[in-house]
C-alpha atoms as a PDB file:
ATOM      1  CA  MET A   1     154.886  52.757 163.595  1.00  0.00           C
ATOM      2  CA  ASN A   2     153.993  50.997 160.342  1.00  0.00           C
ATOM      3  CA  ASP A   3     151.148  51.717 157.909  1.00  0.00           C
ATOM      4  CA  THR A   4     148.887  49.041 159.402  1.00  0.00           C
ATOM      5  CA  GLU A   5     149.147  50.560 162.850  1.00  0.00           C
ATOM      6  CA  LYS A   6     148.660  54.097 161.528  1.00  0.00           C
ATOM      7  CA  LEU A   7     145.573  53.086 159.547  1.00  0.00           C
ATOM      8  CA  LEU A   8     144.055  51.285 162.541  1.00  0.00           C
ATOM      9  CA  ARG A   9     144.684  54.310 164.768  1.00  0.00           C
ATOM     10  CA  GLU A  10     142.942  56.595 162.273  1.00  0.00           C
ATOM     11  CA  CYS A  11     139.981  54.206 162.061  1.00  0.00           C
ATOM     12  CA  ASN A  12     139.825  54.088 165.852  1.00  0.00           C
ATOM     13  CA  SER A  13     139.826  57.871 166.009  1.00  0.00           C
ATOM     14  CA  GLY A  14     137.137  58.134 163.332  1.00  0.00           C
ATOM     15  CA  ILE A  15     134.943  55.612 165.107  1.00  0.00           C
ATOM     16  CA  LYS A  16     135.193  57.601 168.327  1.00  0.00           C
ATOM     17  CA  MET A  17     134.292  60.782 166.442  1.00  0.00           C
ATOM     18  CA  GLY A  18     131.275  59.096 164.861  1.00  0.00           C
ATOM     19  CA  VAL A  19     129.983  57.738 168.170  1.00  0.00           C
ATOM     20  CA  ASP A  20     130.554  61.100 169.867  1.00  0.00           C
ATOM     21  CA  SER A  21     128.603  62.848 167.099  1.00  0.00           C
ATOM     22  CA  ILE A  22     125.670  60.475 167.413  1.00  0.00           C
ATOM     23  CA  ASN A  23     125.656  60.856 171.196  1.00  0.00           C
ATOM     24  CA  HIS A  24     125.778  64.629 170.819  1.00  0.00           C
ATOM     25  CA  VAL A  25     122.669  64.859 168.622  1.00  0.00           C
ATOM     26  CA  MET A  26     120.623  62.057 170.188  1.00  0.00           C
ATOM     27  CA  PRO A  27     118.964  64.204 172.914  1.00  0.00           C
ATOM     28  CA  TYR A  28     117.469  66.413 170.191  1.00  0.00           C
ATOM     29  CA  VAL A  29     116.074  63.640 167.975  1.00  0.00           C
ATOM     30  CA  LYS A  30     112.281  63.567 167.908  1.00  0.00           C
ATOM     31  CA  SER A  31     111.529  60.714 165.506  1.00  0.00           C
ATOM     32  CA  LYS A  32     111.597  57.168 166.851  1.00  0.00           C
ATOM     33  CA  GLU A  33     112.731  55.989 163.420  1.00  0.00           C
ATOM     34  CA  LEU A  34     115.697  58.392 163.340  1.00  0.00           C
ATOM     35  CA  LYS A  35     116.682  57.302 166.855  1.00  0.00           C
ATOM     36  CA  LYS A  36     116.524  53.697 165.709  1.00  0.00           C
ATOM     37  CA  VAL A  37     118.746  54.377 162.678  1.00  0.00           C
ATOM     38  CA  LEU A  38     121.296  56.329 164.731  1.00  0.00           C
ATOM     39  CA  ASN A  39     121.412  53.703 167.496  1.00  0.00           C
ATOM     40  CA  ALA A  40     121.921  50.932 164.936  1.00  0.00           C
ATOM     41  CA  CYS A  41     124.789  52.889 163.386  1.00  0.00           C
ATOM     42  CA  LYS A  42     126.306  53.507 166.810  1.00  0.00           C
ATOM     43  CA  ASP A  43     126.144  49.759 167.517  1.00  0.00           C
ATOM     44  CA  LYS A  44     127.959  49.022 164.240  1.00  0.00           C
ATOM     45  CA  HIS A  45     130.613  51.570 165.170  1.00  0.00           C
ATOM     46  CA  ALA A  46     131.016  49.895 168.578  1.00  0.00           C
ATOM     47  CA  VAL A  47     131.631  46.479 167.005  1.00  0.00           C
ATOM     48  CA  LEU A  48     134.220  47.914 164.627  1.00  0.00           C
ATOM     49  CA  GLY A  49     135.711  49.960 167.460  1.00  0.00           C
ATOM     50  CA  ASP A  50     136.217  46.780 169.471  1.00  0.00           C
ATOM     51  CA  MET A  51     137.959  45.180 166.486  1.00  0.00           C
ATOM     52  CA  THR A  52     140.344  48.101 166.025  1.00  0.00           C
ATOM     53  CA  HIS A  53     140.966  48.379 169.748  1.00  0.00           C
ATOM     54  CA  ARG A  54     141.829  44.666 169.959  1.00  0.00           C
ATOM     55  CA  ALA A  55     144.150  44.856 166.948  1.00  0.00           C
ATOM     56  CA  LEU A  56     145.934  47.897 168.396  1.00  0.00           C
ATOM     57  CA  LYS A  57     146.191  46.282 171.823  1.00  0.00           C
ATOM     58  CA  ASN A  58     147.681  43.115 170.297  1.00  0.00           C
ATOM     59  CA  ALA A  59     150.263  45.277 168.533  1.00  0.00           C
ATOM     60  CA  ARG A  60     150.899  47.180 171.786  1.00  0.00           C
ATOM     61  CA  ILE A  61     149.875  50.435 170.111  1.00  0.00           C
ATOM     62  CA  SER A  62     147.789  53.035 171.921  1.00  0.00           C
ATOM     63  CA  THR A  63     144.416  54.062 170.589  1.00  0.00           C
ATOM     64  CA  LYS A  64     143.977  57.513 169.111  1.00  0.00           C
ATOM     65  CA  ASP A  65     141.443  60.103 170.160  1.00  0.00           C
ATOM     66  CA  PRO A  66     140.039  62.493 167.565  1.00  0.00           C
ATOM     67  CA  HIS A  67     142.162  65.596 167.064  1.00  0.00           C
ATOM     68  CA  PRO A  68     141.056  68.103 169.742  1.00  0.00           C
ATOM     69  CA  ILE A  69     140.634  70.969 167.274  1.00  0.00           C
ATOM     70  CA  ALA A  70     138.564  68.830 164.880  1.00  0.00           C
ATOM     71  CA  LYS A  71     136.422  67.579 167.753  1.00  0.00           C
ATOM     72  CA  THR A  72     135.909  71.082 169.161  1.00  0.00           C
ATOM     73  CA  MET A  73     134.992  72.499 165.750  1.00  0.00           C
ATOM     74  CA  SER A  74     132.569  69.641 165.126  1.00  0.00           C
ATOM     75  CA  ASP A  75     130.941  70.071 168.529  1.00  0.00           C
ATOM     76  CA  MET A  76     130.632  73.857 168.094  1.00  0.00           C
ATOM     77  CA  THR A  77     129.145  73.544 164.601  1.00  0.00           C
ATOM     78  CA  THR A  78     126.666  70.903 165.747  1.00  0.00           C
ATOM     79  CA  ARG A  79     125.652  72.930 168.794  1.00  0.00           C
ATOM     80  CA  MET A  80     125.160  76.073 166.705  1.00  0.00           C
ATOM     81  CA  LYS A  81     123.084  74.313 164.026  1.00  0.00           C
ATOM     82  CA  ILE A  82     120.915  72.512 166.570  1.00  0.00           C
ATOM     83  CA  THR A  83     120.363  75.712 168.533  1.00  0.00           C
ATOM     84  CA  MET A  84     119.123  77.434 165.391  1.00  0.00           C
ATOM     85  CA  HIS A  85     117.022  74.518 164.072  1.00  0.00           C
ATOM     86  CA  ARG A  86     116.002  71.798 166.525  1.00  0.00           C
ATOM     87  CA  THR A  87     114.566  69.527 163.874  1.00  0.00           C
ATOM     88  CA  ASP A  88     115.228  65.985 162.755  1.00  0.00           C
ATOM     89  CA  ASN A  89     115.973  67.264 159.293  1.00  0.00           C
ATOM     90  CA  GLU A  90     118.755  69.489 160.691  1.00  0.00           C
ATOM     91  CA  ILE A  91     120.136  66.508 162.613  1.00  0.00           C
ATOM     92  CA  ALA A  92     120.031  64.420 159.422  1.00  0.00           C
ATOM     93  CA  SER A  93     121.883  67.205 157.624  1.00  0.00           C
ATOM     94  CA  ILE A  94     124.550  67.355 160.348  1.00  0.00           C
ATOM     95  CA  MET A  95     124.979  63.588 160.261  1.00  0.00           C
ATOM     96  CA  THR A  96     125.194  63.586 156.452  1.00  0.00           C
ATOM     97  CA  ASP A  97     127.953  66.210 156.571  1.00  0.00           C
ATOM     98  CA  GLY A  98     129.804  64.142 159.185  1.00  0.00           C
ATOM     99  CA  CYS A  99     129.524  61.009 157.062  1.00  0.00           C
ATOM    100  CA  ASN A 100     130.884  62.857 154.042  1.00  0.00           C
ATOM    101  CA  MET A 101     133.881  64.113 156.017  1.00  0.00           C
ATOM    102  CA  GLY A 102     134.489  60.676 157.497  1.00  0.00           C
ATOM    103  CA  ILE A 103     134.344  58.913 154.133  1.00  0.00           C
ATOM    104  CA  LYS A 104     136.704  61.453 152.587  1.00  0.00           C
ATOM    105  CA  SER A 105     139.199  61.065 155.452  1.00  0.00           C
ATOM    106  CA  LEU A 106     139.067  57.279 155.389  1.00  0.00           C
ATOM    107  CA  TYR A 107     139.790  57.141 151.661  1.00  0.00           C
ATOM    108  CA  LYS A 108     142.671  59.549 152.212  1.00  0.00           C
ATOM    109  CA  TYR A 109     144.117  57.260 154.888  1.00  0.00           C
ATOM    110  CA  LEU A 110     143.663  54.172 152.711  1.00  0.00           C
ATOM    111  CA  ASN A 111     145.754  55.892 150.043  1.00  0.00           C
ATOM    112  CA  GLN A 112     148.254  57.360 152.491  1.00  0.00           C
ATOM    113  CA  TYR A 113     148.864  54.047 154.280  1.00  0.00           C
ATOM    114  CA  GLY A 114     148.848  51.865 151.186  1.00  0.00           C
ATOM    115  CA  SER A 115     151.162  49.213 152.584  1.00  0.00           C
ATOM    116  CA  ALA A 116     148.833  48.484 155.508  1.00  0.00           C
ATOM    117  CA  ASP A 117     147.806  44.843 155.824  1.00  0.00           C
ATOM    118  CA  GLU A 118     144.598  43.528 154.301  1.00  0.00           C
ATOM    119  CA  HIS A 119     142.842  43.141 157.676  1.00  0.00           C
ATOM    120  CA  SER A 120     143.232  46.830 158.520  1.00  0.00           C
ATOM    121  CA  LYS A 121     142.119  47.804 155.006  1.00  0.00           C
ATOM    122  CA  GLU A 122     139.085  45.561 155.435  1.00  0.00           C
ATOM    123  CA  ILE A 123     138.218  47.305 158.714  1.00  0.00           C
ATOM    124  CA  THR A 124     138.601  50.668 156.989  1.00  0.00           C
ATOM    125  CA  ASN A 125     136.348  49.597 154.131  1.00  0.00           C
ATOM    126  CA  LYS A 126     133.735  48.322 156.605  1.00  0.00           C
ATOM    127  CA  LEU A 127     133.800  51.687 158.332  1.00  0.00           C
ATOM    128  CA  ILE A 128     133.398  53.444 154.984  1.00  0.00           C
ATOM    129  CA  SER A 129     130.411  51.190 154.247  1.00  0.00           C
ATOM    130  CA  ILE A 130     128.820  52.032 157.602  1.00  0.00           C
ATOM    131  CA  GLU A 131     129.255  55.743 156.904  1.00  0.00           C
ATOM    132  CA  GLN A 132     127.843  55.390 153.391  1.00  0.00           C
ATOM    133  CA  GLU A 133     124.850  53.448 154.721  1.00  0.00           C
ATOM    134  CA  LEU A 134     124.139  56.093 157.366  1.00  0.00           C
ATOM    135  CA  ARG A 135     124.439  58.841 154.773  1.00  0.00           C
ATOM    136  CA  THR A 136     121.908  57.015 152.591  1.00  0.00           C
ATOM    137  CA  ASP A 137     119.597  56.423 155.577  1.00  0.00           C
ATOM    138  CA  MET A 138     119.643  60.131 156.410  1.00  0.00           C
ATOM    139  CA  ARG A 139     118.104  61.072 153.047  1.00  0.00           C
ATOM    140  CA  SER A 140     114.580  60.249 154.182  1.00  0.00           C
ATOM    141  CA  PHE A 141     114.961  62.634 157.144  1.00  0.00           C
ATOM    142  CA  LEU A 142     116.269  65.617 155.160  1.00  0.00           C
END
């Protein structure tokens, strides 16, 4: 598997993790505005997810699910924090932490898979932008 395929698989995995995280917190969100922001972000992830899925399918490469241990740890941490503090500001904090981890991972993969094609790097940078925008949007809910 070449760098382009590896980078696309990591983006696909990160998108799934982001959507799963939003879905996980959504039942606890009280503010209509926070729900609106999270749904808009989820929609952006879906569009990018379709792009990565199509690119992987065209290359006959399977998609990648988030690492089970990372997903389990994320779910447990989210559940514990929400159980202790069922507030929109706690949800915003959880989402901010997730964005930070996602951005850090995506930059790592951009560096690690440096010979990936420009299209896959563009997808990665769009995903980074979505995560940065969500992180910024969460500030008003903290």
